[in-house]
């Protein structure tokens, strides 16, 4: 048996094992009786998949998520603005000398 055949058989065996494992996992999900869902980003309560923003109907969770989202956006802007500003100052310094 050549090396190519050995590798091919090993790959086929691995693919078969992966399919069997995925099949077992899917059967377990079907038996659990839990419908597909996601969790609130703040309190981790189950919510629907379509829920946007990813928070439950609790006002505290919505307020907290809005604050976190605003902070995330501000951080993103700063991460682009400050390096750009530093590069601008460096270019100005180089041009003046």
PDB file of N, CA and C in Angstrom:
ATOM      1  N   UNK A   1       0.850  -1.172   0.000  1.00  0.00           N
ATOM      2  CA  UNK A   1       0.000   0.000   0.000  1.00  0.00           C
ATOM      3  C   UNK A   1       0.900   1.240   0.000  1.00  0.00           C
ATOM      4  N   UNK A   2       0.584   2.169  -0.870  1.00  0.00           N
ATOM      5  CA  UNK A   2       1.412   3.368  -0.986  1.00  0.00           C
ATOM      6  C   UNK A   2       1.038   4.388   0.090  1.00  0.00           C
ATOM      7  N   UNK A   3       1.889   5.330   0.231  1.00  0.00           N
ATOM      8  CA  UNK A   3       1.659   6.401   1.219  1.00  0.00           C
ATOM      9  C   UNK A   3       0.388   7.178   0.874  1.00  0.00           C
ATOM     10  N   UNK A   4       0.149   7.393  -0.404  1.00  0.00           N
ATOM     11  CA  UNK A   4      -1.035   8.116  -0.862  1.00  0.00           C
ATOM     12  C   UNK A   4      -2.311   7.377  -0.441  1.00  0.00           C
ATOM     13  N   UNK A   5      -2.318   6.066  -0.602  1.00  0.00           N
ATOM     14  CA  UNK A   5      -3.484   5.271  -0.209  1.00  0.00           C
ATOM     15  C   UNK A   5      -3.700   5.310   1.305  1.00  0.00           C
ATOM     16  N   UNK A   6      -2.619   5.257   2.053  1.00  0.00           N
ATOM     17  CA  UNK A   6      -2.719   5.311   3.509  1.00  0.00           C
ATOM     18  C   UNK A   6      -3.321   6.640   3.968  1.00  0.00           C
ATOM     19  N   UNK A   7      -2.857   7.727   3.371  1.00  0.00           N
ATOM     20  CA  UNK A   7      -3.382   9.050   3.726  1.00  0.00           C
ATOM     21  C   UNK A   7      -4.847   9.161   3.326  1.00  0.00           C
ATOM     22  N   UNK A   8      -5.202   8.645   2.152  1.00  0.00           N
ATOM     23  CA  UNK A   8      -6.588   8.682   1.690  1.00  0.00           C
ATOM     24  C   UNK A   8      -7.500   7.903   2.634  1.00  0.00           C
ATOM     25  N   UNK A   9      -7.096   6.721   3.055  1.00  0.00           N
ATOM     26  CA  UNK A   9      -7.915   5.917   3.976  1.00  0.00           C
ATOM     27  C   UNK A   9      -8.053   6.614   5.325  1.00  0.00           C
ATOM     28  N   UNK A  10      -6.980   7.222   5.798  1.00  0.00           N
ATOM     29  CA  UNK A  10      -7.044   7.936   7.085  1.00  0.00           C
ATOM     30  C   UNK A  10      -7.987   9.135   6.986  1.00  0.00           C
ATOM     31  N   UNK A  11      -7.945   9.839   5.873  1.00  0.00           N
ATOM     32  CA  UNK A  11      -8.829  10.994   5.690  1.00  0.00           C
ATOM     33  C   UNK A  11     -10.282  10.552   5.606  1.00  0.00           C
ATOM     34  N   UNK A  12     -10.538   9.454   4.908  1.00  0.00           N
ATOM     35  CA  UNK A  12     -11.904   8.951   4.816  1.00  0.00           C
ATOM     36  C   UNK A  12     -12.416   8.493   6.174  1.00  0.00           C
ATOM     37  N   UNK A  13     -11.563   7.831   6.942  1.00  0.00           N
ATOM     38  CA  UNK A  13     -11.944   7.380   8.279  1.00  0.00           C
ATOM     39  C   UNK A  13     -12.243   8.580   9.177  1.00  0.00           C
ATOM     40  N   UNK A  14     -11.414   9.620   9.106  1.00  0.00           N
ATOM     41  CA  UNK A  14     -11.627  10.816   9.904  1.00  0.00           C
ATOM     42  C   UNK A  14     -12.919  11.519   9.517  1.00  0.00           C
ATOM     43  N   UNK A  15     -13.191  11.598   8.218  1.00  0.00           N
ATOM     44  CA  UNK A  15     -14.432  12.226   7.742  1.00  0.00           C
ATOM     45  C   UNK A  15     -15.642  11.441   8.225  1.00  0.00           C
ATOM     46  N   UNK A  16     -15.556  10.117   8.181  1.00  0.00           N
ATOM     47  CA  UNK A  16     -16.665   9.281   8.647  1.00  0.00           C
ATOM     48  C   UNK A  16     -16.901   9.493  10.142  1.00  0.00           C
ATOM     49  N   UNK A  17     -15.839   9.540  10.923  1.00  0.00           N
ATOM     50  CA  UNK A  17     -15.974   9.765  12.364  1.00  0.00           C
ATOM     51  C   UNK A  17     -16.565  11.140  12.651  1.00  0.00           C
ATOM     52  N   UNK A  18     -16.186  12.145  11.875  1.00  0.00           N
ATOM     53  CA  UNK A  18     -16.723  13.491  12.063  1.00  0.00           C
ATOM     54  C   UNK A  18     -18.211  13.529  11.740  1.00  0.00           C
ATOM     55  N   UNK A  19     -18.613  12.860  10.665  1.00  0.00           N
ATOM     56  CA  UNK A  19     -20.048  12.801  10.317  1.00  0.00           C
ATOM     57  C   UNK A  19     -20.842  12.099  11.403  1.00  0.00           C
ATOM     58  N   UNK A  20     -20.302  11.005  11.934  1.00  0.00           N
ATOM     59  CA  UNK A  20     -21.000  10.275  12.997  1.00  0.00           C
ATOM     60  C   UNK A  20     -21.129  11.133  14.257  1.00  0.00           C
ATOM     61  N   UNK A  21     -20.080  11.856  14.607  1.00  0.00           N
ATOM     62  CA  UNK A  21     -20.123  12.715  15.789  1.00  0.00           C
ATOM     63  C   UNK A  21     -21.139  13.836  15.612  1.00  0.00           C
ATOM     64  N   UNK A  22     -21.184  14.427  14.426  1.00  0.00           N
ATOM     65  CA  UNK A  22     -22.156  15.493  14.158  1.00  0.00           C
ATOM     66  C   UNK A  22     -23.571  14.937  14.200  1.00  0.00           C
ATOM     67  N   UNK A  23     -23.744  13.736  13.701  1.00  0.00           N
ATOM     68  CA  UNK A  23     -25.064  13.104  13.716  1.00  0.00           C
ATOM     69  C   UNK A  23     -25.520  12.856  15.154  1.00  0.00           C
ATOM     70  N   UNK A  24     -24.610  12.354  15.989  1.00  0.00           N
ATOM     71  CA  UNK A  24     -24.952  12.126  17.403  1.00  0.00           C
ATOM     72  C   UNK A  24     -25.298  13.431  18.100  1.00  0.00           C
ATOM     73  N   UNK A  25     -24.547  14.482  17.784  1.00  0.00           N
ATOM     74  CA  UNK A  25     -24.793  15.786  18.407  1.00  0.00           C
ATOM     75  C   UNK A  25     -26.167  16.319  18.003  1.00  0.00           C
ATOM     76  N   UNK A  26     -26.523  16.197  16.719  1.00  0.00           N
ATOM     77  CA  UNK A  26     -27.826  16.665  16.249  1.00  0.00           C
ATOM     78  C   UNK A  26     -28.961  15.881  16.895  1.00  0.00           C
ATOM     79  N   UNK A  27     -28.786  14.578  17.068  1.00  0.00           N
ATOM     80  CA  UNK A  27     -29.818  13.763  17.704  1.00  0.00           C
ATOM     81  C   UNK A  27     -30.016  14.185  19.154  1.00  0.00           C
ATOM     82  N   UNK A  28     -28.923  14.511  19.843  1.00  0.00           N
ATOM     83  CA  UNK A  28     -29.021  14.961  21.232  1.00  0.00           C
ATOM     84  C   UNK A  28     -29.794  16.265  21.320  1.00  0.00           C
ATOM     85  N   UNK A  29     -29.559  17.185  20.391  1.00  0.00           N
ATOM     86  CA  UNK A  29     -30.263  18.461  20.385  1.00  0.00           C
ATOM     87  C   UNK A  29     -31.747  18.255  20.153  1.00  0.00           C
ATOM     88  N   UNK A  30     -32.088  17.347  19.237  1.00  0.00           N
ATOM     89  CA  UNK A  30     -33.491  17.085  18.948  1.00  0.00           C
ATOM     90  C   UNK A  30     -34.193  16.501  20.165  1.00  0.00           C
ATOM     91  N   UNK A  31     -33.513  15.662  20.921  1.00  0.00           N
ATOM     92  CA  UNK A  31     -34.110  15.026  22.083  1.00  0.00           C
ATOM     93  C   UNK A  31     -34.240  15.973  23.267  1.00  0.00           C
ATOM     94  N   UNK A  32     -33.452  17.033  23.300  1.00  0.00           N
ATOM     95  CA  UNK A  32     -33.453  17.911  24.465  1.00  0.00           C
ATOM     96  C   UNK A  32     -34.741  18.712  24.584  1.00  0.00           C
ATOM     97  N   UNK A  33     -35.415  18.972  23.474  1.00  0.00           N
ATOM     98  CA  UNK A  33     -36.666  19.707  23.508  1.00  0.00           C
ATOM     99  C   UNK A  33     -36.493  21.204  23.670  1.00  0.00           C
ATOM    100  N   UNK A  34     -35.280  21.707  23.580  1.00  0.00           N
ATOM    101  CA  UNK A  34     -35.018  23.135  23.707  1.00  0.00           C
ATOM    102  C   UNK A  34     -34.959  23.738  22.317  1.00  0.00           C
ATOM    103  N   UNK A  35     -35.780  24.743  22.079  1.00  0.00           N
ATOM    104  CA  UNK A  35     -35.787  25.375  20.770  1.00  0.00           C
ATOM    105  C   UNK A  35     -34.543  26.240  20.593  1.00  0.00           C
ATOM    106  N   UNK A  36     -34.129  26.483  19.374  1.00  0.00           N
ATOM    107  CA  UNK A  36     -32.952  27.327  19.140  1.00  0.00           C
ATOM    108  C   UNK A  36     -33.168  28.717  19.728  1.00  0.00           C
ATOM    109  N   UNK A  37     -32.159  29.224  20.405  1.00  0.00           N
ATOM    110  CA  UNK A  37     -32.259  30.534  21.049  1.00  0.00           C
ATOM    111  C   UNK A  37     -30.873  31.103  21.268  1.00  0.00           C
ATOM    112  N   UNK A  38     -30.834  32.337  21.714  1.00  0.00           N
ATOM    113  CA  UNK A  38     -29.589  32.965  22.140  1.00  0.00           C
ATOM    114  C   UNK A  38     -29.834  33.528  23.525  1.00  0.00           C
ATOM    115  N   UNK A  39     -28.822  34.160  24.099  1.00  0.00           N
ATOM    116  CA  UNK A  39     -28.956  34.650  25.461  1.00  0.00           C
ATOM    117  C   UNK A  39     -28.730  36.151  25.528  1.00  0.00           C
ATOM    118  N   UNK A  40     -29.414  36.782  26.459  1.00  0.00           N
ATOM    119  CA  UNK A  40     -29.253  38.215  26.704  1.00  0.00           C
ATOM    120  C   UNK A  40     -27.782  38.492  27.016  1.00  0.00           C
ATOM    121  N   UNK A  41     -27.239  39.535  26.435  1.00  0.00           N
ATOM    122  CA  UNK A  41     -25.829  39.868  26.636  1.00  0.00           C
ATOM    123  C   UNK A  41     -25.537  40.355  28.049  1.00  0.00           C
ATOM    124  N   UNK A  42     -26.564  40.730  28.780  1.00  0.00           N
ATOM    125  CA  UNK A  42     -26.369  41.273  30.118  1.00  0.00           C
ATOM    126  C   UNK A  42     -26.683  40.232  31.194  1.00  0.00           C
ATOM    127  N   UNK A  43     -27.902  39.688  31.180  1.00  0.00           N
ATOM    128  CA  UNK A  43     -28.321  38.796  32.272  1.00  0.00           C
ATOM    129  C   UNK A  43     -28.347  37.318  31.873  1.00  0.00           C
ATOM    130  N   UNK A  44     -28.106  36.992  30.634  1.00  0.00           N
ATOM    131  CA  UNK A  44     -28.007  35.634  30.102  1.00  0.00           C
ATOM    132  C   UNK A  44     -29.331  34.869  30.124  1.00  0.00           C
ATOM    133  N   UNK A  45     -30.463  35.559  30.129  1.00  0.00           N
ATOM    134  CA  UNK A  45     -31.752  34.890  29.999  1.00  0.00           C
ATOM    135  C   UNK A  45     -31.934  34.480  28.538  1.00  0.00           C
ATOM    136  N   UNK A  46     -32.619  33.364  28.279  1.00  0.00           N
ATOM    137  CA  UNK A  46     -32.866  32.963  26.884  1.00  0.00           C
ATOM    138  C   UNK A  46     -33.750  33.982  26.168  1.00  0.00           C
ATOM    139  N   UNK A  47     -33.387  34.318  24.947  1.00  0.00           N
ATOM    140  CA  UNK A  47     -34.170  35.228  24.115  1.00  0.00           C
ATOM    141  C   UNK A  47     -34.262  34.631  22.716  1.00  0.00           C
ATOM    142  N   UNK A  48     -35.098  35.184  21.862  1.00  0.00           N
ATOM    143  CA  UNK A  48     -35.252  34.654  20.507  1.00  0.00           C
ATOM    144  C   UNK A  48     -34.016  34.954  19.661  1.00  0.00           C
ATOM    145  N   UNK A  49     -33.866  34.185  18.602  1.00  0.00           N
ATOM    146  CA  UNK A  49     -32.729  34.387  17.707  1.00  0.00           C
ATOM    147  C   UNK A  49     -32.797  35.721  16.982  1.00  0.00           C
ATOM    148  N   UNK A  50     -34.005  36.201  16.711  1.00  0.00           N
ATOM    149  CA  UNK A  50     -34.182  37.430  15.947  1.00  0.00           C
ATOM    150  C   UNK A  50     -34.042  38.685  16.801  1.00  0.00           C
ATOM    151  N   UNK A  51     -33.909  38.538  18.090  1.00  0.00           N
ATOM    152  CA  UNK A  51     -33.865  39.690  18.990  1.00  0.00           C
ATOM    153  C   UNK A  51     -32.670  40.586  18.669  1.00  0.00           C
ATOM    154  N   UNK A  52     -32.971  41.857  18.370  1.00  0.00           N
ATOM    155  CA  UNK A  52     -31.919  42.809  18.044  1.00  0.00           C
ATOM    156  C   UNK A  52     -32.242  44.115  18.720  1.00  0.00           C
ATOM    157  N   UNK A  53     -31.489  44.661  19.605  1.00  0.00           N
ATOM    158  CA  UNK A  53     -30.194  44.232  20.127  1.00  0.00           C
ATOM    159  C   UNK A  53     -30.333  42.960  20.962  1.00  0.00           C
ATOM    160  N   UNK A  54     -29.232  42.272  21.202  1.00  0.00           N
ATOM    161  CA  UNK A  54     -29.304  40.970  21.871  1.00  0.00           C
ATOM    162  C   UNK A  54     -29.518  41.081  23.381  1.00  0.00           C
ATOM    163  N   UNK A  55     -30.630  41.680  23.785  1.00  0.00           N
ATOM    164  CA  UNK A  55     -30.969  41.800  25.203  1.00  0.00           C
ATOM    165  C   UNK A  55     -32.432  41.411  25.400  1.00  0.00           C
ATOM    166  N   UNK A  56     -32.770  41.076  26.649  1.00  0.00           N
ATOM    167  CA  UNK A  56     -34.150  40.718  26.961  1.00  0.00           C
ATOM    168  C   UNK A  56     -34.990  41.990  27.093  1.00  0.00           C
ATOM    169  N   UNK A  57     -36.246  41.852  27.487  1.00  0.00           N
ATOM    170  CA  UNK A  57     -37.160  42.998  27.562  1.00  0.00           C
ATOM    171  C   UNK A  57     -36.990  43.819  28.838  1.00  0.00           C
ATOM    172  N   UNK A  58     -36.087  43.439  29.694  1.00  0.00           N
ATOM    173  CA  UNK A  58     -35.855  44.153  30.940  1.00  0.00           C
ATOM    174  C   UNK A  58     -35.220  45.521  30.637  1.00  0.00           C
ATOM    175  N   UNK A  59     -35.783  46.584  31.217  1.00  0.00           N
ATOM    176  CA  UNK A  59     -35.268  47.936  30.960  1.00  0.00           C
ATOM    177  C   UNK A  59     -33.832  48.121  31.434  1.00  0.00           C
ATOM    178  N   UNK A  60     -33.478  47.489  32.541  1.00  0.00           N
ATOM    179  CA  UNK A  60     -32.101  47.598  33.047  1.00  0.00           C
ATOM    180  C   UNK A  60     -31.108  47.001  32.052  1.00  0.00           C
ATOM    181  N   UNK A  61     -31.493  45.879  31.458  1.00  0.00           N
ATOM    182  CA  UNK A  61     -30.611  45.249  30.462  1.00  0.00           C
ATOM    183  C   UNK A  61     -30.476  46.136  29.224  1.00  0.00           C
ATOM    184  N   UNK A  62     -31.591  46.713  28.784  1.00  0.00           N
ATOM    185  CA  UNK A  62     -31.543  47.587  27.605  1.00  0.00           C
ATOM    186  C   UNK A  62     -30.669  48.808  27.863  1.00  0.00           C
ATOM    187  N   UNK A  63     -30.823  49.439  29.036  1.00  0.00           N
ATOM    188  CA  UNK A  63     -30.012  50.611  29.368  1.00  0.00           C
ATOM    189  C   UNK A  63     -28.535  50.251  29.461  1.00  0.00           C
ATOM    190  N   UNK A  64     -28.257  49.129  30.107  1.00  0.00           N
ATOM    191  CA  UNK A  64     -26.870  48.695  30.250  1.00  0.00           C
ATOM    192  C   UNK A  64     -26.252  48.400  28.886  1.00  0.00           C
ATOM    193  N   UNK A  65     -27.017  47.758  27.990  1.00  0.00           N
ATOM    194  CA  UNK A  65     -26.501  47.439  26.670  1.00  0.00           C
ATOM    195  C   UNK A  65     -26.236  48.712  25.875  1.00  0.00           C
ATOM    196  N   UNK A  66     -27.133  49.700  25.985  1.00  0.00           N
ATOM    197  CA  UNK A  66     -26.935  50.964  25.272  1.00  0.00           C
ATOM    198  C   UNK A  66     -25.659  51.652  25.736  1.00  0.00           C
ATOM    199  N   UNK A  67     -25.409  51.641  27.060  1.00  0.00           N
ATOM    200  CA  UNK A  67     -24.186  52.252  27.588  1.00  0.00           C
ATOM    201  C   UNK A  67     -22.951  51.526  27.076  1.00  0.00           C
ATOM    202  N   UNK A  68     -22.995  50.188  27.102  1.00  0.00           N
ATOM    203  CA  UNK A  68     -21.843  49.414  26.626  1.00  0.00           C
ATOM    204  C   UNK A  68     -21.598  49.636  25.137  1.00  0.00           C
ATOM    205  N   UNK A  69     -22.676  49.700  24.351  1.00  0.00           N
ATOM    206  CA  UNK A  69     -22.536  49.905  22.915  1.00  0.00           C
ATOM    207  C   UNK A  69     -21.962  51.289  22.616  1.00  0.00           C
ATOM    208  N   UNK A  70     -22.441  52.286  23.341  1.00  0.00           N
ATOM    209  CA  UNK A  70     -21.926  53.646  23.162  1.00  0.00           C
ATOM    210  C   UNK A  70     -20.436  53.704  23.517  1.00  0.00           C
ATOM    211  N   UNK A  71     -20.069  53.051  24.614  1.00  0.00           N
ATOM    212  CA  UNK A  71     -18.669  53.012  25.030  1.00  0.00           C
ATOM    213  C   UNK A  71     -17.813  52.273  23.999  1.00  0.00           C
ATOM    214  N   UNK A  72     -18.334  51.178  23.450  1.00  0.00           N
ATOM    215  CA  UNK A  72     -17.598  50.421  22.439  1.00  0.00           C
ATOM    216  C   UNK A  72     -17.361  51.260  21.195  1.00  0.00           C
ATOM    217  N   UNK A  73     -18.383  52.006  20.773  1.00  0.00           N
ATOM    218  CA  UNK A  73     -18.239  52.862  19.593  1.00  0.00           C
ATOM    219  C   UNK A  73     -17.215  53.968  19.835  1.00  0.00           C
ATOM    220  N   UNK A  74     -17.251  54.571  21.031  1.00  0.00           N
ATOM    221  CA  UNK A  74     -16.309  55.625  21.375  1.00  0.00           C
ATOM    222  C   UNK A  74     -14.875  55.088  21.378  1.00  0.00           C
ATOM    223  N   UNK A  75     -14.679  53.891  21.929  1.00  0.00           N
ATOM    224  CA  UNK A  75     -13.354  53.277  21.961  1.00  0.00           C
ATOM    225  C   UNK A  75     -12.849  52.999  20.546  1.00  0.00           C
ATOM    226  N   UNK A  76     -13.741  52.540  19.677  1.00  0.00           N
ATOM    227  CA  UNK A  76     -13.355  52.268  18.293  1.00  0.00           C
ATOM    228  C   UNK A  76     -12.886  53.549  17.601  1.00  0.00           C
ATOM    229  N   UNK A  77     -13.613  54.618  17.818  1.00  0.00           N
ATOM    230  CA  UNK A  77     -13.225  55.899  17.213  1.00  0.00           C
ATOM    231  C   UNK A  77     -11.864  56.342  17.748  1.00  0.00           C
ATOM    232  N   UNK A  78     -11.653  56.229  19.053  1.00  0.00           N
ATOM    233  CA  UNK A  78     -10.377  56.648  19.646  1.00  0.00           C
ATOM    234  C   UNK A  78      -9.219  55.796  19.142  1.00  0.00           C
ATOM    235  N   UNK A  79      -9.478  54.508  18.920  1.00  0.00           N
ATOM    236  CA  UNK A  79      -8.403  53.635  18.456  1.00  0.00           C
ATOM    237  C   UNK A  79      -7.942  54.005  17.055  1.00  0.00           C
ATOM    238  N   UNK A  80      -8.800  54.641  16.264  1.00  0.00           N
ATOM    239  CA  UNK A  80      -8.383  55.124  14.946  1.00  0.00           C
ATOM    240  C   UNK A  80      -7.876  56.563  15.004  1.00  0.00           C
ATOM    241  N   UNK A  81      -8.495  57.392  15.833  1.00  0.00           N
ATOM    242  CA  UNK A  81      -8.160  58.812  15.869  1.00  0.00           C
ATOM    243  C   UNK A  81      -6.770  59.065  16.463  1.00  0.00           C
ATOM    244  N   UNK A  82      -6.460  58.483  17.619  1.00  0.00           N
ATOM    245  CA  UNK A  82      -5.193  58.784  18.277  1.00  0.00           C
ATOM    246  C   UNK A  82      -3.963  58.327  17.497  1.00  0.00           C
ATOM    247  N   UNK A  83      -3.925  57.136  16.934  1.00  0.00           N
ATOM    248  CA  UNK A  83      -2.761  56.797  16.101  1.00  0.00           C
ATOM    249  C   UNK A  83      -2.647  57.703  14.865  1.00  0.00           C
ATOM    250  N   UNK A  84      -3.789  58.057  14.266  1.00  0.00           N
ATOM    251  CA  UNK A  84      -3.753  58.953  13.109  1.00  0.00           C
ATOM    252  C   UNK A  84      -3.206  60.317  13.514  1.00  0.00           C
ATOM    253  N   UNK A  85      -3.622  60.803  14.679  1.00  0.00           N
ATOM    254  CA  UNK A  85      -3.133  62.083  15.180  1.00  0.00           C
ATOM    255  C   UNK A  85      -1.631  62.022  15.460  1.00  0.00           C
ATOM    256  N   UNK A  86      -1.164  60.917  16.044  1.00  0.00           N
ATOM    257  CA  UNK A  86       0.269  60.755  16.325  1.00  0.00           C
ATOM    258  C   UNK A  86       1.073  60.724  15.023  1.00  0.00           C
ATOM    259  N   UNK A  87       0.562  60.029  14.018  1.00  0.00           N
ATOM    260  CA  UNK A  87       1.254  59.979  12.725  1.00  0.00           C
ATOM    261  C   UNK A  87       1.279  61.361  12.081  1.00  0.00           C
ATOM    262  N   UNK A  88       0.180  62.101  12.198  1.00  0.00           N
ATOM    263  CA  UNK A  88       0.127  63.459  11.658  1.00  0.00           C
ATOM    264  C   UNK A  88       1.178  64.346  12.330  1.00  0.00           C
ATOM    265  N   UNK A  89       1.272  64.268  13.651  1.00  0.00           N
ATOM    266  CA  UNK A  89       2.288  65.056  14.364  1.00  0.00           C
ATOM    267  C   UNK A  89       3.696  64.652  13.943  1.00  0.00           C
ATOM    268  N   UNK A  90       3.926  63.374  13.747  1.00  0.00           N
ATOM    269  CA  UNK A  90       5.239  62.896  13.307  1.00  0.00           C
ATOM    270  C   UNK A  90       5.570  63.436  11.917  1.00  0.00           C
ATOM    271  N   UNK A  91       4.607  63.421  11.032  1.00  0.00           N
ATOM    272  CA  UNK A  91       4.837  63.935   9.667  1.00  0.00           C
ATOM    273  C   UNK A  91       5.127  65.431   9.708  1.00  0.00           C
ATOM    274  N   UNK A  92       4.359  66.177  10.518  1.00  0.00           N
ATOM    275  CA  UNK A  92       4.602  67.615  10.644  1.00  0.00           C
ATOM    276  C   UNK A  92       5.981  67.884  11.198  1.00  0.00           C
ATOM    277  N   UNK A  93       6.396  67.096  12.185  1.00  0.00           N
ATOM    278  CA  UNK A  93       7.724  67.254  12.791  1.00  0.00           C
ATOM    279  C   UNK A  93       8.827  66.969  11.764  1.00  0.00           C
ATOM    280  N   UNK A  94       8.631  65.965  10.956  1.00  0.00           N
ATOM    281  CA  UNK A  94       9.632  65.619   9.945  1.00  0.00           C
ATOM    282  C   UNK A  94       9.701  66.705   8.871  1.00  0.00           C
ATOM    283  N   UNK A  95       8.556  67.236   8.466  1.00  0.00           N
ATOM    284  CA  UNK A  95       8.527  68.260   7.422  1.00  0.00           C
ATOM    285  C   UNK A  95       9.152  69.567   7.895  1.00  0.00           C
ATOM    286  N   UNK A  96       9.046  69.896   9.178  1.00  0.00           N
ATOM    287  CA  UNK A  96       9.611  71.149   9.689  1.00  0.00           C
ATOM    288  C   UNK A  96      11.126  71.092   9.832  1.00  0.00           C
ATOM    289  N   UNK A  97      11.669  69.907   9.968  1.00  0.00           N
ATOM    290  CA  UNK A  97      13.128  69.835  10.156  1.00  0.00           C
ATOM    291  C   UNK A  97      13.890  69.745   8.876  1.00  0.00           C
TER     292      UNK A  97
END
